[in-house]
Amino acid sequence: MPFFGVFLSTLFAGVPIAFVLVLSAMFLVFVSGEHVLFLSFQQQFFGGMEKYGLLALPLFIIVGELMGEGGVAKRLIALSSLVVGNFRGGLAYINLFANALMASILGSAVAQISVMNKVMAPEMERAGYSKIYSIALTTSAGLLAPILPPSMLFVVFGVLAQVSIGDMFIAGILPGVMLVVGFIIAIAVIGIFSPYPKPEVKNGPPRKDILKQGMPALLVPLVIVASILGGIATPTESAALAAVVAFVVGRFIYKEISVKNLPSLFSRTAISSGIILVLIGAAQIFGFVITYLQIPGHIVNWITEVADTAMMFLLLLNLLLLAVGMFLDAIAAMIIVVPLLLPVAVGIYGINPYHFGVIICLNLALGLVTPPIGSGLFIAASVSGEKPGDIAKKALPFIFVSILVLGLLSLFPSLVIT
């Protein structure tokens, strides 16, 4: 089909995904002869961005920026060391726990993989761990960010599916814990076959000082989770509260946020938010065109012919999303896939939308660390200088655990339904 030729050729040519979506939509309009649709492009573009739930995105991004600027990462790592303790392989577990804590702040796997590979991987390497293993573990632990609240993928899904973002956050808690437990088991098994280095005995600060320094850092995720679970605030309002708390902690408690650095911080937030919002606007145009031309109907007919049960549909969905996640950015893929498949999942197969959302988010996150075009692998490679393929090989145990958790979530909807 010529349409797929245009879509794939522009995608692999390195054209930004937002332009790929708009160009593909324009091609469909030209081919169909429905040129009147061009008159709606501007309205659809801005209409896609005019959703209240999307306000949470820049707010969560600025929370992550403020926490990073305020020196939270090193304190979370130190705090994690108190939880795990000083024993053989302890730093690997510290890496995992620090990633779990950072996931509740950053909410973005791409940001987390980049930040933590600069912080934790060198620390593990200095302690005697294999460099490639340190990078693979840190990159794999980035999969926690799209699942543990507040997840940006959950925010986007909530807006697209028109479901409660707060309930999506709650739905991700148990799957996130399952991933953490699975990764702990994987680390332990790897340590049996490739013994970890003995920890060095260091005369660091007293435990009470580490705890005292680390407790303020926990205020941000605590404010987010408690305000949502307690019904005090919406996810958007909780992000605003968390931003205020992050600024107060970084500025007045840790004293590491400088007022002169705030303009560049706001600039980074605006650029990151703008990229996502333009992508959403472009996807709205794409979705409008394909819906008008009744393309989703043909896809639905094909799916219902192949999958006669909900379980068969979920199996096809997992395979499809794993493939899509290897080639497309997770948010871009979700914007394309959700409007097409959510009505099928809910209306025909009776799948709970929150169950559907968690499965989609984990699938697309998994695509970040799977070859050939896992963007998380390339980010880790650019930070470390290692080859993406070598990182992927060492990450295989964690990829296997993620697929296993994905299978359990598909088989037992009660694990994610709120």
Protein backbone atom coordinates (compact mmCIF):
# COMPACT_ATOMS: atom_id res chain seq x y z
CA MET A 1 0.00 0.00 0.00
CA PRO A 2 1.54 3.39 -1.01
CA PHE A 3 0.54 4.92 2.31
CA PHE A 4 2.80 2.57 4.29
CA GLY A 5 5.58 3.30 1.82
CA VAL A 6 5.34 7.04 2.55
CA PHE A 7 5.07 6.45 6.30
CA LEU A 8 8.03 4.06 6.55
CA SER A 9 10.29 5.87 4.08
CA THR A 10 9.94 9.21 5.88
CA LEU A 11 10.32 7.51 9.27
CA PHE A 12 13.55 5.69 8.37
CA ALA A 13 14.86 8.77 6.58
CA GLY A 14 15.07 10.41 10.00
CA VAL A 15 12.17 12.82 9.52
CA PRO A 16 10.78 13.90 12.95
CA ILE A 17 7.79 11.74 13.84
CA ALA A 18 5.41 14.73 14.00
CA PHE A 19 6.21 15.58 10.36
CA VAL A 20 5.93 11.89 9.42
CA LEU A 21 2.36 11.84 10.76
CA VAL A 22 1.34 15.08 9.00
CA LEU A 23 2.95 14.09 5.68
CA SER A 24 1.27 10.68 5.81
CA ALA A 25 -2.08 12.33 6.51
CA MET A 26 -1.55 14.75 3.59
CA PHE A 27 -0.73 11.84 1.29
CA LEU A 28 -3.93 10.06 2.30
CA VAL A 29 -5.97 13.18 1.61
CA PHE A 30 -4.38 13.63 -1.84
CA VAL A 31 -4.95 9.98 -2.77
CA SER A 32 -8.55 9.93 -1.53
CA GLY A 33 -9.45 13.20 -3.27
CA GLU A 34 -11.06 14.55 -0.07
CA HIS A 35 -9.16 17.82 -0.28
CA VAL A 36 -11.70 19.56 1.92
CA LEU A 37 -10.05 17.83 4.89
CA PHE A 38 -7.08 20.21 4.59
CA LEU A 39 -9.35 22.97 5.91
CA SER A 40 -9.60 21.15 9.25
CA PHE A 41 -5.89 20.56 9.78
CA GLN A 42 -5.30 23.73 11.80
CA GLN A 43 -8.34 23.15 14.00
CA GLN A 44 -7.40 19.52 14.60
CA PHE A 45 -3.79 20.42 15.41
CA PHE A 46 -4.68 22.89 18.16
CA GLY A 47 -7.66 20.83 19.29
CA GLY A 48 -5.32 17.92 20.02
CA MET A 49 -3.32 20.06 22.44
CA GLU A 50 -6.30 21.75 24.15
CA LYS A 51 -6.86 19.05 26.76
CA TYR A 52 -6.70 19.82 30.46
CA GLY A 53 -4.93 16.55 31.32
CA LEU A 54 -1.95 17.50 29.14
CA LEU A 55 -1.16 20.34 31.53
CA ALA A 56 0.30 17.68 33.82
CA LEU A 57 3.09 16.94 31.32
CA PRO A 58 5.07 20.22 31.59
CA LEU A 59 4.44 20.25 35.33
CA PHE A 60 5.92 16.79 35.82
CA ILE A 61 8.82 17.70 33.53
CA ILE A 62 9.60 20.76 35.63
CA VAL A 63 9.41 18.65 38.79
CA GLY A 64 12.09 16.38 37.35
CA GLU A 65 14.22 19.37 36.33
CA LEU A 66 13.92 20.97 39.77
CA MET A 67 14.78 17.74 41.54
CA GLY A 68 17.77 17.18 39.27
CA GLU A 69 18.97 20.75 39.76
CA GLY A 70 18.48 20.42 43.51
CA GLY A 71 20.86 17.46 43.92
CA VAL A 72 18.24 14.84 44.67
CA ALA A 73 19.82 11.93 42.72
CA LYS A 74 22.87 11.56 44.96
CA ARG A 75 20.74 11.75 48.10
CA LEU A 76 18.31 9.14 46.80
CA ILE A 77 21.24 6.85 46.03
CA ALA A 78 22.63 7.33 49.52
CA LEU A 79 19.18 6.72 50.99
CA SER A 80 18.81 3.54 48.94
CA SER A 81 22.11 2.28 50.36
CA LEU A 82 20.57 2.38 53.83
CA VAL A 83 17.66 0.24 52.66
CA VAL A 84 19.79 -2.35 50.89
CA GLY A 85 22.85 -2.43 53.10
CA ASN A 86 26.54 -3.01 52.48
CA PHE A 87 26.98 -6.57 51.12
CA ARG A 88 28.20 -8.33 47.98
CA GLY A 89 26.06 -7.14 45.07
CA GLY A 90 24.55 -4.40 47.20
CA LEU A 91 25.36 -1.65 44.73
CA ALA A 92 23.34 -3.42 42.02
CA TYR A 93 20.32 -3.41 44.32
CA ILE A 94 21.02 0.20 45.28
CA ASN A 95 20.94 1.02 41.56
CA LEU A 96 17.54 -0.63 41.24
CA PHE A 97 16.06 1.06 44.32
CA ALA A 98 17.44 4.45 43.30
CA ASN A 99 15.82 4.00 39.88
CA ALA A 100 12.52 3.11 41.56
CA LEU A 101 12.68 6.30 43.61
CA MET A 102 13.69 8.40 40.60
CA ALA A 103 10.84 6.86 38.58
CA SER A 104 8.38 8.47 40.97
CA ILE A 105 9.96 11.84 40.16
CA LEU A 106 10.97 11.81 36.50
CA GLY A 107 8.08 9.78 35.04
CA SER A 108 9.96 9.39 31.74
CA ALA A 109 12.04 6.33 30.82
CA VAL A 110 14.16 8.30 28.34
CA ALA A 111 15.04 10.96 30.94
CA GLN A 112 15.68 8.36 33.60
CA ILE A 113 17.97 6.22 31.42
CA SER A 114 20.00 9.30 30.54
CA VAL A 115 20.25 10.69 34.08
CA MET A 116 20.91 7.43 35.92
CA ASN A 117 23.52 6.19 33.43
CA LYS A 118 25.49 9.32 34.23
CA VAL A 119 25.10 8.82 37.98
CA MET A 120 24.87 5.11 38.85
CA ALA A 121 26.74 3.26 36.07
CA PRO A 122 30.10 5.02 36.74
CA GLU A 123 29.64 4.41 40.47
CA MET A 124 29.17 0.67 39.88
CA GLU A 125 32.15 0.56 37.52
CA ARG A 126 34.39 2.22 40.13
CA ALA A 127 33.27 -0.43 42.63
CA GLY A 128 34.50 -3.23 40.33
CA TYR A 129 31.35 -4.15 38.43
CA SER A 130 31.53 -4.81 34.70
CA LYS A 131 30.94 -1.56 32.81
CA ILE A 132 28.59 -3.13 30.27
CA TYR A 133 26.57 -4.86 33.01
CA SER A 134 26.30 -1.63 35.00
CA ILE A 135 24.93 0.15 31.93
CA ALA A 136 22.55 -2.70 31.05
CA LEU A 137 21.14 -2.83 34.59
CA THR A 138 20.71 0.95 34.77
CA THR A 139 19.07 1.07 31.34
CA SER A 140 16.71 -1.81 32.16
CA ALA A 141 15.74 -0.21 35.48
CA GLY A 142 14.56 2.78 33.42
CA LEU A 143 11.55 0.62 32.49
CA LEU A 144 10.14 1.42 35.93
CA ALA A 145 9.55 5.07 34.95
CA PRO A 146 6.62 4.45 32.55
CA ILE A 147 4.89 2.17 35.08
CA LEU A 148 5.41 3.61 38.55
CA PRO A 149 3.42 6.83 39.09
CA PRO A 150 3.68 9.56 37.94
CA SER A 151 4.17 8.14 34.46
CA MET A 152 4.02 10.48 31.46
CA LEU A 153 2.75 7.58 29.37
CA PHE A 154 -0.13 7.18 31.83
CA VAL A 155 -0.90 10.90 31.49
CA VAL A 156 -1.00 10.66 27.69
CA PHE A 157 -3.06 7.47 27.79
CA GLY A 158 -5.53 9.01 30.24
CA VAL A 159 -6.02 11.98 27.91
CA LEU A 160 -6.39 9.80 24.79
CA ALA A 161 -8.67 7.24 26.44
CA GLN A 162 -10.58 9.85 28.46
CA VAL A 163 -10.13 7.91 31.70
CA SER A 164 -8.99 9.10 35.12
CA ILE A 165 -5.24 9.76 35.15
CA GLY A 166 -5.24 9.31 38.93
CA ASP A 167 -6.75 5.84 38.56
CA MET A 168 -4.15 5.05 35.89
CA PHE A 169 -1.44 5.96 38.41
CA ILE A 170 -3.01 3.63 40.97
CA ALA A 171 -3.32 0.85 38.39
CA GLY A 172 0.43 1.02 37.77
CA ILE A 173 1.52 0.56 41.39
CA LEU A 174 1.25 -3.26 41.62
CA PRO A 175 2.71 -3.90 38.12
CA GLY A 176 5.59 -1.59 39.07
CA VAL A 177 6.20 -3.52 42.27
CA MET A 178 6.11 -6.77 40.27
CA LEU A 179 8.82 -5.40 37.97
CA VAL A 180 10.97 -4.38 40.94
CA VAL A 181 10.64 -7.82 42.55
CA GLY A 182 11.38 -9.53 39.22
CA PHE A 183 14.50 -7.40 38.73
CA ILE A 184 15.66 -8.20 42.29
CA ILE A 185 15.42 -11.92 41.50
CA ALA A 186 17.26 -11.40 38.19
CA ILE A 187 20.08 -9.53 39.96
CA ALA A 188 20.38 -12.32 42.54
CA VAL A 189 20.50 -15.06 39.88
CA ILE A 190 23.10 -13.18 37.82
CA GLY A 191 25.20 -12.81 40.98
CA ILE A 192 25.23 -16.61 41.43
CA PHE A 193 26.76 -17.25 38.00
CA SER A 194 28.93 -14.11 37.88
CA PRO A 195 29.85 -13.22 41.46
CA TYR A 196 29.74 -9.53 42.23
CA PRO A 197 32.81 -7.74 43.64
CA LYS A 198 33.19 -7.46 47.37
CA PRO A 199 32.04 -4.09 48.67
CA GLU A 200 34.64 -1.66 49.89
CA VAL A 201 34.39 -0.58 53.50
CA LYS A 202 34.19 3.20 53.48
CA ASN A 203 34.05 5.66 56.31
CA GLY A 204 31.08 7.60 55.05
CA PRO A 205 28.71 9.86 56.95
CA PRO A 206 26.70 8.31 59.79
CA ARG A 207 23.45 6.59 58.87
CA LYS A 208 21.40 9.17 60.73
CA ASP A 209 22.97 11.96 58.65
CA ILE A 210 22.22 10.13 55.40
CA LEU A 211 18.64 9.58 56.54
CA LYS A 212 18.30 13.22 57.58
CA GLN A 213 19.62 14.44 54.23
CA GLY A 214 17.52 11.97 52.22
CA MET A 215 14.13 12.44 53.86
CA PRO A 216 13.37 15.83 52.21
CA ALA A 217 13.98 14.23 48.80
CA LEU A 218 11.13 11.80 49.50
CA LEU A 219 8.69 14.67 50.01
CA VAL A 220 8.14 15.10 46.26
CA PRO A 221 6.92 11.54 45.43
CA LEU A 222 5.06 11.51 48.75
CA VAL A 223 3.15 14.69 47.82
CA ILE A 224 2.28 13.29 44.39
CA VAL A 225 1.06 9.88 45.55
CA ALA A 226 -0.62 11.01 48.80
CA SER A 227 -2.51 13.91 47.20
CA ILE A 228 -3.87 11.67 44.44
CA LEU A 229 -4.72 8.65 46.61
CA GLY A 230 -6.22 10.90 49.27
CA GLY A 231 -8.45 12.64 46.72
CA ILE A 232 -6.95 15.99 47.67
CA ALA A 233 -5.75 16.89 44.18
CA THR A 234 -5.98 15.81 40.56
CA PRO A 235 -2.77 14.54 38.91
CA THR A 236 -2.30 17.98 37.33
CA GLU A 237 -2.75 19.74 40.67
CA SER A 238 -0.47 17.21 42.40
CA ALA A 239 2.24 17.97 39.83
CA ALA A 240 1.93 21.68 40.60
CA LEU A 241 2.18 20.98 44.34
CA ALA A 242 5.19 18.74 43.76
CA ALA A 243 6.90 21.47 41.71
CA VAL A 244 6.51 23.90 44.61
CA VAL A 245 7.84 21.33 47.10
CA ALA A 246 10.75 20.47 44.77
CA PHE A 247 11.72 24.13 44.52
CA VAL A 248 11.50 24.68 48.30
CA VAL A 249 13.56 21.55 49.03
CA GLY A 250 16.23 22.32 46.42
CA ARG A 251 16.42 26.04 47.17
CA PHE A 252 16.04 26.32 50.96
CA ILE A 253 16.93 22.88 52.35
CA TYR A 254 19.67 21.59 50.04
CA LYS A 255 20.53 25.12 48.82
CA GLU A 256 21.59 23.78 45.40
CA ILE A 257 19.06 25.56 43.17
CA SER A 258 20.36 28.93 42.04
CA VAL A 259 17.90 31.57 40.90
CA LYS A 260 20.19 32.45 37.98
CA ASN A 261 19.83 28.88 36.66
CA LEU A 262 16.02 28.98 36.64
CA PRO A 263 15.68 30.56 33.14
CA SER A 264 17.64 27.70 31.53
CA LEU A 265 15.64 25.20 33.59
CA PHE A 266 12.35 26.70 32.38
CA SER A 267 13.72 26.75 28.83
CA ARG A 268 14.50 23.01 28.94
CA THR A 269 11.03 22.36 30.30
CA ALA A 270 9.41 24.43 27.55
CA ILE A 271 11.38 22.66 24.82
CA SER A 272 10.59 19.17 26.16
CA SER A 273 6.91 20.05 26.61
CA GLY A 274 6.71 21.67 23.17
CA ILE A 275 8.10 18.58 21.45
CA ILE A 276 5.49 16.35 23.09
CA LEU A 277 2.59 18.74 22.44
CA VAL A 278 3.49 19.24 18.76
CA LEU A 279 3.63 15.47 18.45
CA ILE A 280 0.17 15.16 20.00
CA GLY A 281 -1.22 17.85 17.70
CA ALA A 282 0.24 16.11 14.63
CA ALA A 283 -1.17 12.78 15.78
CA GLN A 284 -4.60 14.41 16.13
CA ILE A 285 -4.45 15.37 12.43
CA PHE A 286 -3.34 11.86 11.49
CA GLY A 287 -6.10 10.27 13.58
CA PHE A 288 -8.74 12.60 12.16
CA VAL A 289 -7.83 11.73 8.56
CA ILE A 290 -7.67 7.96 8.99
CA THR A 291 -10.93 7.97 10.97
CA TYR A 292 -12.70 10.03 8.29
CA LEU A 293 -11.47 7.61 5.62
CA GLN A 294 -12.69 4.67 7.73
CA ILE A 295 -9.28 2.99 7.86
CA PRO A 296 -9.74 1.89 11.52
CA GLY A 297 -12.82 -0.04 10.45
CA HIS A 298 -10.74 -2.21 8.12
CA ILE A 299 -8.20 -2.82 10.88
CA VAL A 300 -10.97 -3.78 13.31
CA ASN A 301 -12.45 -6.22 10.80
CA TRP A 302 -9.08 -7.90 10.33
CA ILE A 303 -8.45 -8.18 14.08
CA THR A 304 -11.86 -9.61 14.84
CA GLU A 305 -11.41 -12.20 12.10
CA VAL A 306 -8.07 -13.35 13.52
CA ALA A 307 -8.73 -13.01 17.27
CA ASP A 308 -11.87 -14.74 18.47
CA THR A 309 -11.18 -14.31 22.21
CA ALA A 310 -9.93 -11.51 24.46
CA MET A 311 -6.80 -13.53 25.27
CA MET A 312 -5.99 -13.98 21.57
CA PHE A 313 -6.50 -10.24 21.07
CA LEU A 314 -4.09 -9.45 23.93
CA LEU A 315 -1.52 -11.85 22.47
CA LEU A 316 -1.71 -10.10 19.09
CA LEU A 317 -1.62 -6.72 20.86
CA ASN A 318 1.56 -7.64 22.78
CA LEU A 319 3.32 -8.82 19.62
CA LEU A 320 2.22 -5.75 17.68
CA LEU A 321 3.25 -3.28 20.38
CA LEU A 322 6.62 -4.93 20.99
CA ALA A 323 7.33 -4.51 17.28
CA VAL A 324 6.01 -0.93 17.18
CA GLY A 325 7.97 0.02 20.30
CA MET A 326 11.23 -1.00 18.62
CA PHE A 327 10.76 1.60 15.88
CA LEU A 328 8.67 4.44 17.32
CA ASP A 329 8.94 6.71 20.33
CA ALA A 330 6.60 5.42 23.05
CA ILE A 331 4.40 8.54 23.19
CA ALA A 332 4.18 8.73 19.38
CA ALA A 333 3.27 5.05 19.17
CA MET A 334 0.64 5.40 21.86
CA ILE A 335 -0.96 8.38 20.14
CA ILE A 336 -1.30 6.32 16.97
CA VAL A 337 -2.32 2.99 18.51
CA VAL A 338 -4.73 3.94 21.31
CA PRO A 339 -7.45 5.61 19.19
CA LEU A 340 -7.35 2.62 16.83
CA LEU A 341 -7.38 -0.27 19.28
CA LEU A 342 -9.00 1.01 22.49
CA PRO A 343 -12.56 0.92 21.06
CA VAL A 344 -11.90 -2.64 19.86
CA ALA A 345 -10.48 -3.77 23.21
CA VAL A 346 -13.29 -2.26 25.29
CA GLY A 347 -16.26 -2.51 22.93
CA ILE A 348 -15.69 -5.94 21.36
CA TYR A 349 -13.56 -7.89 23.84
CA GLY A 350 -14.72 -6.24 27.09
CA ILE A 351 -11.19 -5.43 28.29
CA ASN A 352 -10.95 -2.92 31.12
CA PRO A 353 -9.44 0.35 29.79
CA TYR A 354 -6.98 0.58 32.73
CA HIS A 355 -5.84 -2.99 32.10
CA PHE A 356 -5.42 -2.11 28.43
CA GLY A 357 -3.49 1.06 29.31
CA VAL A 358 -0.96 -0.64 31.60
CA ILE A 359 -0.29 -3.35 29.01
CA ILE A 360 0.24 -0.75 26.28
CA CYS A 361 2.58 1.35 28.44
CA LEU A 362 4.74 -1.60 29.53
CA ASN A 363 4.91 -2.93 25.97
CA LEU A 364 6.01 0.39 24.52
CA ALA A 365 8.48 0.95 27.36
CA LEU A 366 9.96 -2.48 26.67
CA GLY A 367 10.57 -1.35 23.10
CA LEU A 368 13.08 1.18 24.49
CA VAL A 369 15.52 -1.61 25.35
CA THR A 370 14.89 -4.05 22.51
CA PRO A 371 16.86 -4.02 19.24
CA PRO A 372 17.07 -2.94 16.49
CA ILE A 373 15.99 0.64 17.24
CA GLY A 374 15.43 0.72 21.00
CA SER A 375 15.96 4.41 21.76
CA GLY A 376 16.90 3.65 25.37
CA LEU A 377 19.80 1.51 24.13
CA PHE A 378 21.09 4.33 21.93
CA ILE A 379 20.78 6.87 24.76
CA ALA A 380 22.74 4.56 27.07
CA ALA A 381 25.29 3.97 24.30
CA SER A 382 25.75 7.69 23.70
CA VAL A 383 26.32 8.30 27.41
CA SER A 384 28.69 5.34 27.94
CA GLY A 385 30.42 4.87 24.59
CA GLU A 386 29.40 1.18 24.47
CA LYS A 387 27.63 -0.51 21.55
CA PRO A 388 23.81 -0.73 21.74
CA GLY A 389 23.92 -4.43 20.79
CA ASP A 390 26.31 -5.25 23.65
CA ILE A 391 24.07 -3.44 26.13
CA ALA A 392 21.03 -5.33 24.81
CA LYS A 393 22.76 -8.70 25.33
CA LYS A 394 23.51 -7.95 28.98
CA ALA A 395 19.97 -6.63 29.45
CA LEU A 396 18.37 -9.90 28.27
CA PRO A 397 17.59 -11.20 31.81
CA PHE A 398 15.73 -8.00 32.62
CA ILE A 399 13.94 -8.02 29.26
CA PHE A 400 12.86 -11.61 30.01
CA VAL A 401 11.53 -10.55 33.43
CA SER A 402 9.59 -7.68 31.85
CA ILE A 403 8.03 -10.02 29.27
CA LEU A 404 7.11 -12.45 32.06
CA VAL A 405 5.42 -9.65 34.05
CA LEU A 406 3.66 -8.56 30.87
CA GLY A 407 2.35 -12.10 30.40
CA LEU A 408 1.06 -12.24 33.98
CA LEU A 409 -0.68 -8.88 33.58
CA SER A 410 -2.31 -10.11 30.37
CA LEU A 411 -3.51 -13.34 32.02
CA PHE A 412 -4.71 -11.78 35.29
CA PRO A 413 -6.50 -8.44 34.78
CA SER A 414 -7.14 -8.18 38.53
CA LEU A 415 -3.47 -7.24 38.96
CA VAL A 416 -4.06 -3.86 37.32
CA ILE A 417 -7.77 -3.06 37.50
CA THR A 418 -8.44 -0.31 40.04
